[in-house]
Amino acid sequence: MRFPAVIESFRARLLLLLALMLGLTLGIQYYFNLRTVKNNAKMIIEQEQAIMNGIGLAVTSLQSQQYLPEMVGSVQDPLLNDKNVRVKNILVVDDDGNVIDSLLEEYGPREREDKTTQYVHFQDLELPPLRSAVLYSAQNQQLPAWIPPSTSSDFGAAGAFYFPVQTDKGRRFIIVVLDSANILTNVFERQATRSALYTLAVLFVTTIVTGFFVWRFTRPVKELSVAARKVAGGNFDVQVASETRDEMGMLASAFNEMTAKLGRARELETQLHQAEKGAVVGRLAAAIAHEIRNPLNYINLTLDHLRSSFAPADETKRTTFVRLTDQLKTEVARINRHITDFLKYSRPSKLELQDLDIRVEAEDALRLVEVRADECGIETTIEQDDGLPRVVADRESLRSVFTNLFINALEAIDGEGGKVSIRLSNTDENSVKVEVTDTGRGISPQDISKVFEPYFSTKETGTGLGLAIVKKAVDDHGGTISVASKEGAGTTFTIILPAREKGHGTKEHPGS
């Protein structure tokens, strides 16, 4: 696998990120530990240097006329003035136990009023346990009485260490007073705490950064999960982004390809289902036309013969006879119309396209239902935009579309009154829009998606083929039809049909 391909891998990038965060954390931790070690080493060296400087000053003071405070001020040694340094005091004591010099002025010699010198005795001082800095068994027997025997002490505890120095004025004892090593321990603890806080801060930042990138890396998984639920719900138009070329990008591409194939499979399934329906309807229509239409024609002719030749002479009986035969002829016509609907829906369309005035065709279809509209007190109107172009359509098919829509509109209005309006208007895409609106009972939301399906009807005596025939005719003309409805407020069917282009003749059409 090539190196760029490895970098593009989701797993490789995640592992690289984790390794980077781990390396960064260890590197920062190592840096702070190294700095702490250097600071501790520096502090230890400073402690040692402070002790050596103090001893050196004490030895120097024996050979000079200056006291230790004056010497410290003249050399400006910061180590001997630092509160964190263990050296708390340096004393120079003679054999009699008199403190002849001290780093702290309150323990040094003072001049009395009579010009004599007053000394602080060593035994009057409150000092930690005193022990020899260097053990000399021979000298232990010659120590003055004010020096107690050396005792052992805990490591790091406060203490005072002495060692004798022989001068021309006699023996002197240099005593170094050291504080407890807890001072250094506290400093080290503070440094360790500070280092731990730095480490926690680094871990916190790296956790946030890692979490952010992991969220970025796993966001496509969430999108795929949401898209999968939508697909499970039947929405095959879902697509997920597949901009990356890692495993997630490949998975997204495969998912998109899968949904596209599922969508095509559903379309093919729907087309197959419609084809099966059409085949069934075709066989049924042919059987009905063959088995029923001929007897219907014979019945219709017989009824005409009965009315003309066998009508009763009595006026009352004649009226009843004519009414009954008219009802029979009406029922025969209704059965014949259903057969015609079956044949129209099942047979392939043979359109004779021509330039038509759509208003004229709408008015011709409206005349077929005007009588019924007048009887029910339903108002019918046609509105038209100026400059409406002619449409390219088959006259009989277009008239069938209008007739079915107008009849449905009238039947949707319960009782008397109401309105059916037809609106003819231009569109921006060289086509004509037809809107058929009624003030009827409307269509329920659960039924509105099924109105164009064959054999679906909300009427007790309906075949469910009227709107299916309308949609088939509109589709054959290359147009579209849609419906908008609200229960109790009426329904609007909107048809868009291609119009003749200005300056051109009749266009070729797929349905011709």
Protein backbone atom coordinates (compact mmCIF):
# COMPACT_ATOMS: atom_id res chain seq x y z
CA MET A 1 0.00 0.00 0.00
CA ARG A 2 1.38 3.38 -0.95
CA PHE A 3 2.15 5.90 1.82
CA PRO A 4 -0.51 8.47 0.75
CA ALA A 5 -3.08 5.68 0.69
CA VAL A 6 -2.12 4.75 4.26
CA ILE A 7 -2.59 8.37 5.38
CA GLU A 8 -6.03 8.43 3.77
CA SER A 9 -7.08 5.37 5.78
CA PHE A 10 -9.51 6.14 8.60
CA ARG A 11 -7.84 3.65 10.95
CA ALA A 12 -4.36 4.95 10.13
CA ARG A 13 -5.38 8.55 10.78
CA LEU A 14 -7.01 7.63 14.08
CA LEU A 15 -3.94 5.65 15.20
CA LEU A 16 -1.67 8.49 14.05
CA LEU A 17 -3.71 10.97 16.06
CA LEU A 18 -3.55 8.81 19.19
CA ALA A 19 0.21 8.30 18.74
CA LEU A 20 0.70 12.04 18.26
CA MET A 21 -1.30 12.86 21.40
CA LEU A 22 0.62 10.23 23.39
CA GLY A 23 3.97 11.50 22.13
CA LEU A 24 3.00 15.08 22.88
CA THR A 25 1.90 14.19 26.40
CA LEU A 26 5.06 12.19 27.13
CA GLY A 27 7.26 14.90 25.61
CA ILE A 28 5.72 17.67 27.72
CA GLN A 29 5.85 15.49 30.83
CA TYR A 30 9.52 14.69 30.15
CA TYR A 31 10.26 18.39 29.68
CA PHE A 32 8.67 19.37 32.99
CA ASN A 33 10.36 16.49 34.83
CA LEU A 34 13.72 17.44 33.36
CA ARG A 35 13.22 21.04 34.38
CA THR A 36 12.23 19.94 37.90
CA VAL A 37 15.33 17.78 38.21
CA LYS A 38 17.52 20.69 37.11
CA ASN A 39 15.84 23.01 39.61
CA ASN A 40 16.28 20.47 42.42
CA ALA A 41 19.94 19.94 41.54
CA LYS A 42 20.43 23.70 41.46
CA MET A 43 18.80 24.05 44.88
CA ILE A 44 20.97 21.32 46.38
CA ILE A 45 24.08 22.98 44.97
CA GLU A 46 22.92 26.31 46.37
CA GLN A 47 22.46 24.71 49.81
CA GLU A 48 25.94 23.27 49.69
CA GLN A 49 27.36 26.55 48.45
CA ALA A 50 25.56 28.42 51.25
CA ILE A 51 27.14 26.10 53.86
CA MET A 52 30.59 26.47 52.30
CA ASN A 53 30.21 30.23 52.05
CA GLY A 54 29.14 30.43 55.67
CA ILE A 55 32.11 28.38 56.86
CA GLY A 56 34.44 30.40 54.67
CA LEU A 57 33.12 33.65 56.12
CA ALA A 58 33.53 32.33 59.65
CA VAL A 59 37.12 31.34 58.99
CA THR A 60 37.79 34.71 57.36
CA SER A 61 36.26 36.57 60.29
CA LEU A 62 38.80 34.95 62.61
CA GLN A 63 41.55 36.60 60.61
CA SER A 64 39.93 40.01 60.22
CA GLN A 65 38.49 42.74 62.33
CA GLN A 66 35.01 42.47 60.77
CA TYR A 67 32.01 40.67 62.14
CA LEU A 68 29.98 38.19 60.08
CA PRO A 69 26.96 40.50 59.44
CA GLU A 70 29.30 43.14 58.09
CA MET A 71 31.07 40.63 55.88
CA VAL A 72 27.80 39.22 54.53
CA GLY A 73 26.66 42.74 53.71
CA SER A 74 29.93 43.56 51.99
CA VAL A 75 30.02 40.43 49.84
CA GLN A 76 26.23 40.58 49.27
CA ASP A 77 25.86 36.80 49.26
CA PRO A 78 22.15 36.16 48.44
CA LEU A 79 22.35 32.53 49.50
CA LEU A 80 22.93 33.39 53.15
CA ASN A 81 19.91 35.74 53.13
CA ASP A 82 17.51 33.32 51.42
CA LYS A 83 14.80 31.99 53.74
CA ASN A 84 14.72 28.73 51.80
CA VAL A 85 18.40 27.99 52.59
CA ARG A 86 19.00 25.60 55.48
CA VAL A 87 21.87 27.70 56.93
CA LYS A 88 20.10 29.68 59.66
CA ASN A 89 23.12 30.93 61.60
CA ILE A 90 26.91 30.68 61.84
CA LEU A 91 28.57 31.15 65.25
CA VAL A 92 32.19 31.61 66.26
CA VAL A 93 32.67 30.54 69.91
CA ASP A 94 35.83 30.64 72.06
CA ASP A 95 36.91 27.97 74.53
CA ASP A 96 34.94 29.59 77.33
CA GLY A 97 31.68 29.33 75.40
CA ASN A 98 31.41 33.04 74.56
CA VAL A 99 29.91 33.82 71.16
CA ILE A 100 32.47 36.17 69.70
CA ASP A 101 30.76 36.39 66.29
CA SER A 102 27.36 35.46 64.80
CA LEU A 103 25.63 35.76 61.48
CA LEU A 104 22.62 37.05 63.46
CA GLU A 105 23.43 40.36 65.12
CA GLU A 106 21.32 39.69 68.26
CA TYR A 107 23.74 36.86 69.20
CA GLY A 108 26.92 38.86 68.52
CA PRO A 109 29.03 40.74 71.13
CA ARG A 110 27.91 44.16 72.45
CA GLU A 111 29.88 47.01 73.95
CA ARG A 112 28.92 48.04 77.49
CA GLU A 113 28.82 51.60 78.79
CA ASP A 114 32.23 51.13 80.39
CA LYS A 115 33.62 50.21 76.98
CA THR A 116 33.97 46.55 77.89
CA THR A 117 32.58 43.79 75.64
CA GLN A 118 29.55 41.76 76.62
CA TYR A 119 29.25 38.26 75.12
CA VAL A 120 26.33 35.91 74.80
CA HIS A 121 27.20 32.53 76.26
CA PHE A 122 26.63 29.54 74.07
CA GLN A 123 24.58 27.75 76.72
CA ASP A 124 22.08 30.64 76.73
CA LEU A 125 21.22 29.99 73.12
CA GLU A 126 18.30 27.82 72.01
CA LEU A 127 19.85 25.67 69.37
CA PRO A 128 19.09 22.28 67.88
CA PRO A 129 21.19 19.28 69.00
CA LEU A 130 24.91 19.99 68.67
CA ARG A 131 27.26 17.47 67.17
CA SER A 132 30.70 17.44 65.68
CA ALA A 133 31.08 17.95 61.98
CA VAL A 134 34.22 15.73 62.06
CA LEU A 135 34.64 13.06 64.68
CA TYR A 136 38.05 13.11 66.37
CA SER A 137 38.29 10.71 69.26
CA ALA A 138 41.37 12.42 70.60
CA GLN A 139 39.78 15.84 70.59
CA ASN A 140 36.58 14.62 72.21
CA GLN A 141 38.46 14.39 75.48
CA GLN A 142 39.70 17.96 75.17
CA LEU A 143 36.32 19.62 74.39
CA PRO A 144 35.21 22.37 76.72
CA ALA A 145 32.46 21.67 79.18
CA TRP A 146 29.83 23.79 77.42
CA ILE A 147 29.88 21.39 74.44
CA PRO A 148 27.55 18.48 75.18
CA PRO A 149 28.34 14.99 73.95
CA SER A 150 27.39 14.34 70.34
CA THR A 151 24.10 12.51 69.83
CA SER A 152 22.60 10.85 66.82
CA SER A 153 19.66 12.53 65.08
CA ASP A 154 17.21 11.73 62.34
CA PHE A 155 18.30 12.28 58.78
CA GLY A 156 17.27 15.69 57.59
CA ALA A 157 16.37 16.97 61.07
CA ALA A 158 17.49 20.40 62.32
CA GLY A 159 20.92 20.47 63.96
CA ALA A 160 24.14 22.38 64.76
CA PHE A 161 27.58 21.20 63.64
CA TYR A 162 30.87 22.39 65.07
CA PHE A 163 34.51 21.97 64.26
CA PRO A 164 37.50 23.53 66.02
CA VAL A 165 39.87 25.98 64.41
CA GLN A 166 43.23 26.85 65.94
CA THR A 167 44.10 30.55 65.76
CA ASP A 168 46.81 32.77 67.17
CA LYS A 169 44.29 33.81 69.84
CA GLY A 170 43.57 30.30 70.87
CA ARG A 171 41.12 27.66 69.86
CA ARG A 172 37.87 28.73 68.33
CA PHE A 173 34.80 26.71 67.37
CA ILE A 174 32.86 27.41 64.20
CA ILE A 175 29.25 26.26 64.62
CA VAL A 176 26.91 26.00 61.62
CA VAL A 177 23.22 25.94 62.55
CA LEU A 178 21.08 24.11 59.99
CA ASP A 179 17.31 24.14 59.78
CA SER A 180 15.23 21.03 59.06
CA ALA A 181 15.39 19.57 55.60
CA ASN A 182 11.58 19.93 55.49
CA ILE A 183 12.15 23.27 53.84
CA LEU A 184 13.67 21.52 50.85
CA THR A 185 11.01 18.80 51.06
CA ASN A 186 8.26 21.41 50.89
CA VAL A 187 9.93 23.03 47.92
CA PHE A 188 10.24 19.67 46.19
CA GLU A 189 6.60 18.87 46.97
CA ARG A 190 5.49 22.17 45.50
CA GLN A 191 7.53 21.45 42.39
CA ALA A 192 6.03 17.95 42.13
CA THR A 193 2.52 19.38 42.57
CA ARG A 194 3.18 22.00 39.93
CA SER A 195 4.51 19.32 37.57
CA ALA A 196 1.40 17.17 38.20
CA LEU A 197 -0.85 20.17 37.47
CA TYR A 198 1.02 20.78 34.23
CA THR A 199 0.56 17.12 33.33
CA LEU A 200 -3.15 17.25 34.10
CA ALA A 201 -3.51 20.39 32.01
CA VAL A 202 -1.73 18.72 29.09
CA LEU A 203 -3.88 15.61 29.45
CA PHE A 204 -7.02 17.77 29.56
CA VAL A 205 -6.04 19.65 26.40
CA THR A 206 -5.02 16.49 24.56
CA THR A 207 -8.28 14.80 25.63
CA ILE A 208 -10.30 17.69 24.22
CA VAL A 209 -8.29 17.72 20.99
CA THR A 210 -8.56 13.93 20.66
CA GLY A 211 -12.28 14.03 21.39
CA PHE A 212 -12.79 16.72 18.75
CA PHE A 213 -10.98 14.78 16.06
CA VAL A 214 -12.64 11.50 17.04
CA TRP A 215 -16.01 13.27 16.80
CA ARG A 216 -15.00 14.55 13.36
CA PHE A 217 -13.89 11.08 12.31
CA THR A 218 -17.03 9.33 13.60
CA ARG A 219 -19.55 11.92 12.37
CA PRO A 220 -20.00 10.04 9.05
CA VAL A 221 -21.01 6.97 11.07
CA LYS A 222 -23.81 8.99 12.67
CA GLU A 223 -24.90 10.32 9.27
CA LEU A 224 -24.94 6.78 7.89
CA SER A 225 -27.02 5.62 10.86
CA VAL A 226 -29.60 8.36 10.29
CA ALA A 227 -29.66 7.68 6.54
CA ALA A 228 -30.08 3.93 7.15
CA ARG A 229 -33.13 4.60 9.32
CA LYS A 230 -34.63 6.74 6.54
CA VAL A 231 -33.99 4.00 3.99
CA ALA A 232 -35.60 1.48 6.36
CA GLY A 233 -38.62 3.79 6.36
CA GLY A 234 -38.88 3.55 2.57
CA ASN A 235 -37.05 6.74 1.51
CA PHE A 236 -34.59 5.65 -1.18
CA ASP A 237 -33.66 9.20 -2.20
CA VAL A 238 -31.33 9.56 0.79
CA GLN A 239 -27.70 10.36 -0.04
CA VAL A 240 -24.78 10.82 2.34
CA ALA A 241 -21.66 12.90 1.75
CA SER A 242 -18.65 10.91 0.53
CA GLU A 243 -15.95 13.55 0.15
CA THR A 244 -13.15 11.57 1.83
CA ARG A 245 -11.33 8.63 0.29
CA ASP A 246 -10.90 6.57 3.45
CA GLU A 247 -12.99 3.63 4.65
CA MET A 248 -15.83 5.95 5.65
CA GLY A 249 -15.85 7.54 2.20
CA MET A 250 -15.91 4.10 0.56
CA LEU A 251 -18.75 3.04 2.87
CA ALA A 252 -20.71 6.21 2.05
CA SER A 253 -20.22 5.64 -1.68
CA ALA A 254 -21.37 2.03 -1.34
CA PHE A 255 -24.38 3.20 0.68
CA ASN A 256 -25.32 5.77 -1.97
CA GLU A 257 -24.96 3.15 -4.68
CA MET A 258 -27.12 0.75 -2.68
CA THR A 259 -29.91 3.31 -2.16
CA ALA A 260 -29.82 4.22 -5.86
CA LYS A 261 -30.19 0.56 -6.82
CA LEU A 262 -32.99 0.11 -4.30
CA GLY A 263 -34.75 3.16 -5.75
CA ARG A 264 -34.42 1.79 -9.28
CA ALA A 265 -35.62 -1.60 -8.09
CA ARG A 266 -38.68 0.01 -6.52
CA GLU A 267 -39.38 1.94 -9.73
CA LEU A 268 -39.12 -1.26 -11.75
CA GLU A 269 -41.33 -3.04 -9.24
CA THR A 270 -43.92 -0.26 -9.50
CA GLN A 271 -43.77 -0.33 -13.29
CA LEU A 272 -44.11 -4.12 -13.26
CA HIS A 273 -47.07 -3.86 -10.93
CA GLN A 274 -48.71 -1.28 -13.17
CA ALA A 275 -48.00 -3.43 -16.20
CA GLU A 276 -49.57 -6.42 -14.50
CA LYS A 277 -52.59 -4.31 -13.62
CA GLY A 278 -52.80 -3.09 -17.20
CA ALA A 279 -52.61 -6.62 -18.54
CA VAL A 280 -55.38 -7.75 -16.20
CA VAL A 281 -57.50 -4.76 -17.12
CA GLY A 282 -56.85 -5.36 -20.81
CA ARG A 283 -57.97 -8.96 -20.63
CA LEU A 284 -60.98 -8.00 -18.50
CA ALA A 285 -61.94 -5.16 -20.85
CA ALA A 286 -61.72 -7.41 -23.91
CA ALA A 287 -63.88 -10.03 -22.22
CA ILE A 288 -66.45 -7.46 -21.12
CA ALA A 289 -66.55 -5.84 -24.55
CA HIS A 290 -67.07 -9.22 -26.18
CA GLU A 291 -69.49 -10.76 -23.70
CA ILE A 292 -71.57 -7.77 -22.57
CA ARG A 293 -71.58 -5.06 -25.24
CA ASN A 294 -73.47 -7.07 -27.86
CA PRO A 295 -76.31 -7.96 -25.45
CA LEU A 296 -76.37 -4.34 -24.31
CA ASN A 297 -76.79 -3.12 -27.87
CA TYR A 298 -79.63 -5.64 -28.35
CA ILE A 299 -81.29 -4.47 -25.11
CA ASN A 300 -80.94 -0.83 -26.14
CA LEU A 301 -82.50 -1.47 -29.58
CA THR A 302 -85.29 -3.54 -28.01
CA LEU A 303 -86.12 -0.70 -25.62
CA ASP A 304 -86.39 1.71 -28.55
CA HIS A 305 -88.67 -0.75 -30.35
CA LEU A 306 -90.86 -1.21 -27.24
CA ARG A 307 -91.25 2.54 -26.81
CA SER A 308 -92.22 3.08 -30.43
CA SER A 309 -94.44 0.02 -30.97
CA PHE A 310 -95.83 -1.17 -27.66
CA ALA A 311 -96.48 1.99 -25.67
CA PRO A 312 -99.84 1.77 -23.78
CA ALA A 313 -102.74 3.89 -25.04
CA ASP A 314 -103.59 5.05 -21.54
CA GLU A 315 -101.78 8.34 -20.83
CA THR A 316 -100.89 7.45 -17.25
CA LYS A 317 -99.58 4.04 -18.19
CA ARG A 318 -97.70 5.56 -21.17
CA THR A 319 -95.95 8.03 -18.86
CA THR A 320 -94.90 5.26 -16.50
CA PHE A 321 -93.85 3.08 -19.45
CA VAL A 322 -91.65 5.85 -20.95
CA ARG A 323 -90.07 6.63 -17.56
CA LEU A 324 -89.15 3.02 -16.93
CA THR A 325 -87.73 2.51 -20.42
CA ASP A 326 -85.72 5.74 -20.07
CA GLN A 327 -84.28 4.49 -16.79
CA LEU A 328 -83.36 1.20 -18.43
CA LYS A 329 -81.67 3.01 -21.31
CA THR A 330 -79.81 5.19 -18.76
CA GLU A 331 -78.53 2.12 -16.92
CA VAL A 332 -77.54 0.51 -20.23
CA ALA A 333 -75.65 3.70 -21.13
CA ARG A 334 -73.91 3.68 -17.73
CA ILE A 335 -72.79 0.08 -18.19
CA ASN A 336 -71.62 0.91 -21.70
CA ARG A 337 -69.66 3.90 -20.36
CA HIS A 338 -67.89 1.70 -17.80
CA ILE A 339 -66.93 -0.66 -20.59
CA THR A 340 -65.57 2.30 -22.57
CA ASP A 341 -63.52 3.38 -19.53
CA PHE A 342 -62.02 -0.09 -19.25
CA LEU A 343 -61.09 -0.05 -22.92
CA LYS A 344 -59.59 3.45 -22.75
CA TYR A 345 -57.41 2.59 -19.75
CA SER A 346 -56.25 -0.80 -20.99
CA ARG A 347 -55.50 -0.04 -24.63
CA PRO A 348 -52.43 1.88 -25.85
CA SER A 349 -53.17 5.48 -26.72
CA LYS A 350 -53.27 6.51 -30.37
CA LEU A 351 -53.11 10.28 -30.24
CA GLU A 352 -53.86 12.53 -33.17
CA LEU A 353 -52.05 15.65 -32.05
CA GLN A 354 -53.15 19.01 -33.38
CA ASP A 355 -53.22 22.66 -32.36
CA LEU A 356 -56.33 23.17 -30.22
CA ASP A 357 -57.94 26.10 -28.48
CA ILE A 358 -58.08 24.78 -24.95
CA ARG A 359 -60.95 27.08 -23.95
CA VAL A 360 -63.13 25.73 -26.74
CA GLU A 361 -62.46 22.16 -25.65
CA ALA A 362 -63.18 23.03 -22.02
CA GLU A 363 -66.47 24.71 -22.96
CA ASP A 364 -67.55 21.70 -25.07
CA ALA A 365 -66.89 19.37 -22.14
CA LEU A 366 -68.65 21.74 -19.75
CA ARG A 367 -71.83 21.67 -21.87
CA LEU A 368 -72.19 17.95 -21.13
CA VAL A 369 -72.59 18.65 -17.40
CA GLU A 370 -74.36 22.03 -17.52
CA VAL A 371 -77.82 20.49 -17.27
CA ARG A 372 -76.88 18.52 -14.19
CA ALA A 373 -75.15 21.59 -12.70
CA ASP A 374 -78.26 23.70 -13.24
CA GLU A 375 -80.45 21.07 -11.60
CA CYS A 376 -78.20 21.08 -8.52
CA GLY A 377 -77.79 24.87 -8.46
CA ILE A 378 -74.01 24.65 -9.00
CA GLU A 379 -72.33 27.65 -10.63
CA THR A 380 -69.75 26.93 -13.35
CA THR A 381 -67.24 29.53 -14.60
CA ILE A 382 -64.27 29.66 -16.97
CA GLU A 383 -61.50 32.26 -16.62
CA GLN A 384 -58.71 32.76 -19.13
CA ASP A 385 -55.51 34.83 -19.35
CA ASP A 386 -54.93 37.06 -22.34
CA GLY A 387 -52.72 35.70 -25.11
CA LEU A 388 -53.22 32.08 -24.16
CA PRO A 389 -51.38 29.88 -26.69
CA ARG A 390 -52.92 26.88 -28.39
CA VAL A 391 -52.10 23.46 -26.99
CA VAL A 392 -50.78 20.42 -28.83
CA ALA A 393 -53.22 17.62 -27.94
CA ASP A 394 -55.64 14.97 -29.13
CA ARG A 395 -59.19 16.39 -29.15
CA GLU A 396 -61.04 13.30 -27.94
CA SER A 397 -58.48 12.53 -25.25
CA LEU A 398 -58.44 16.12 -23.99
CA ARG A 399 -62.25 16.27 -23.93
CA SER A 400 -62.29 13.01 -21.93
CA VAL A 401 -59.91 14.60 -19.41
CA PHE A 402 -62.15 17.64 -18.94
CA THR A 403 -65.36 15.58 -18.81
CA ASN A 404 -64.04 13.28 -16.08
CA LEU A 405 -62.75 16.20 -13.99
CA PHE A 406 -66.01 18.18 -14.33
CA ILE A 407 -68.16 15.16 -13.42
CA ASN A 408 -65.97 14.44 -10.37
CA ALA A 409 -66.21 18.10 -9.33
CA LEU A 410 -70.02 18.03 -9.50
CA GLU A 411 -70.23 14.75 -7.61
CA ALA A 412 -67.93 16.10 -4.88
CA ILE A 413 -70.45 18.85 -4.04
CA ASP A 414 -73.08 17.50 -1.63
CA GLY A 415 -76.59 18.91 -1.88
CA GLU A 416 -77.46 22.03 -3.81
CA GLY A 417 -75.29 25.08 -4.37
CA GLY A 418 -71.55 25.32 -4.72
CA LYS A 419 -69.20 26.33 -7.47
CA VAL A 420 -66.96 24.74 -10.08
CA SER A 421 -64.40 27.05 -11.67
CA ILE A 422 -61.94 26.44 -14.51
CA ARG A 423 -58.87 28.66 -14.69
CA LEU A 424 -56.72 28.72 -17.89
CA SER A 425 -53.37 30.50 -17.61
CA ASN A 426 -49.88 30.77 -19.08
CA THR A 427 -46.73 29.37 -17.50
CA ASP A 428 -43.10 30.37 -17.85
CA GLU A 429 -42.14 27.19 -19.75
CA ASN A 430 -44.16 27.35 -23.00
CA SER A 431 -47.11 25.46 -21.59
CA VAL A 432 -50.68 26.03 -20.44
CA LYS A 433 -51.96 25.47 -16.91
CA VAL A 434 -55.53 24.28 -16.30
CA GLU A 435 -56.95 24.48 -12.78
CA VAL A 436 -60.30 22.82 -12.00
CA THR A 437 -61.53 23.87 -8.55
CA ASP A 438 -64.67 22.81 -6.71
CA THR A 439 -66.15 23.73 -3.35
CA GLY A 440 -67.02 20.15 -2.48
CA ARG A 441 -66.27 17.91 0.48
CA GLY A 442 -62.57 17.55 -0.33
CA ILE A 443 -60.27 14.54 -0.09
CA SER A 444 -58.87 13.13 3.14
CA PRO A 445 -55.06 13.25 3.60
CA GLN A 446 -54.79 9.46 3.64
CA ASP A 447 -56.64 9.17 0.31
CA ILE A 448 -55.08 12.05 -1.65
CA SER A 449 -52.02 10.00 -2.65
CA LYS A 450 -54.24 7.25 -4.09
CA VAL A 451 -56.70 9.23 -6.23
CA PHE A 452 -54.85 8.49 -9.49
CA GLU A 453 -54.51 4.76 -8.79
CA PRO A 454 -56.78 2.49 -10.88
CA TYR A 455 -59.77 0.96 -9.08
CA PHE A 456 -59.49 3.35 -6.15
CA SER A 457 -62.73 5.21 -5.49
CA THR A 458 -64.44 6.84 -2.53
CA LYS A 459 -67.83 6.56 -4.26
CA GLU A 460 -70.01 3.51 -3.69
CA THR A 461 -70.83 3.11 -7.41
CA GLY A 462 -67.49 4.29 -8.82
CA THR A 463 -65.13 2.06 -10.80
CA GLY A 464 -62.02 3.98 -9.76
CA LEU A 465 -60.91 4.46 -13.36
CA GLY A 466 -61.97 8.06 -14.03
CA LEU A 467 -58.94 9.84 -12.56
CA ALA A 468 -56.64 7.00 -13.63
CA ILE A 469 -57.77 7.61 -17.24
CA VAL A 470 -57.24 11.36 -16.76
CA LYS A 471 -53.65 10.83 -15.50
CA LYS A 472 -52.88 8.38 -18.31
CA ALA A 473 -54.14 10.85 -20.93
CA VAL A 474 -52.14 13.74 -19.41
CA ASP A 475 -49.00 11.57 -19.22
CA ASP A 476 -49.50 10.53 -22.86
CA HIS A 477 -49.46 14.22 -23.82
CA GLY A 478 -46.23 14.82 -21.91
CA GLY A 479 -48.01 16.90 -19.28
CA THR A 480 -48.38 16.71 -15.51
CA ILE A 481 -51.34 16.61 -13.14
CA SER A 482 -51.45 17.25 -9.40
CA VAL A 483 -54.12 17.60 -6.77
CA ALA A 484 -54.49 19.81 -3.69
CA SER A 485 -57.38 19.35 -1.31
CA LYS A 486 -58.64 20.10 2.16
CA GLU A 487 -61.49 18.24 3.76
CA GLY A 488 -64.60 20.41 3.82
CA ALA A 489 -62.98 23.16 1.73
CA GLY A 490 -62.86 21.72 -1.78
CA THR A 491 -60.32 20.34 -4.24
CA THR A 492 -58.15 21.72 -7.05
CA PHE A 493 -56.74 19.62 -9.89
CA THR A 494 -53.88 21.31 -11.75
CA ILE A 495 -52.90 20.19 -15.26
CA ILE A 496 -49.94 21.51 -17.25
CA LEU A 497 -49.99 20.74 -20.99
CA PRO A 498 -47.38 21.61 -23.63
CA ALA A 499 -48.32 24.54 -25.88
CA ARG A 500 -47.41 25.28 -29.47
CA GLU A 501 -44.23 27.33 -29.76
CA LYS A 502 -44.67 30.65 -31.44
CA GLY A 503 -43.55 30.56 -35.05
CA HIS A 504 -43.50 26.76 -35.16
CA GLY A 505 -45.93 24.12 -36.32
CA THR A 506 -47.15 21.11 -34.49
CA LYS A 507 -44.46 19.38 -32.42
CA GLU A 508 -43.68 15.70 -32.44
CA HIS A 509 -44.80 14.01 -29.26
CA PRO A 510 -44.04 10.71 -27.62
CA GLY A 511 -47.71 9.71 -27.49
CA SER A 512 -48.28 10.09 -31.23
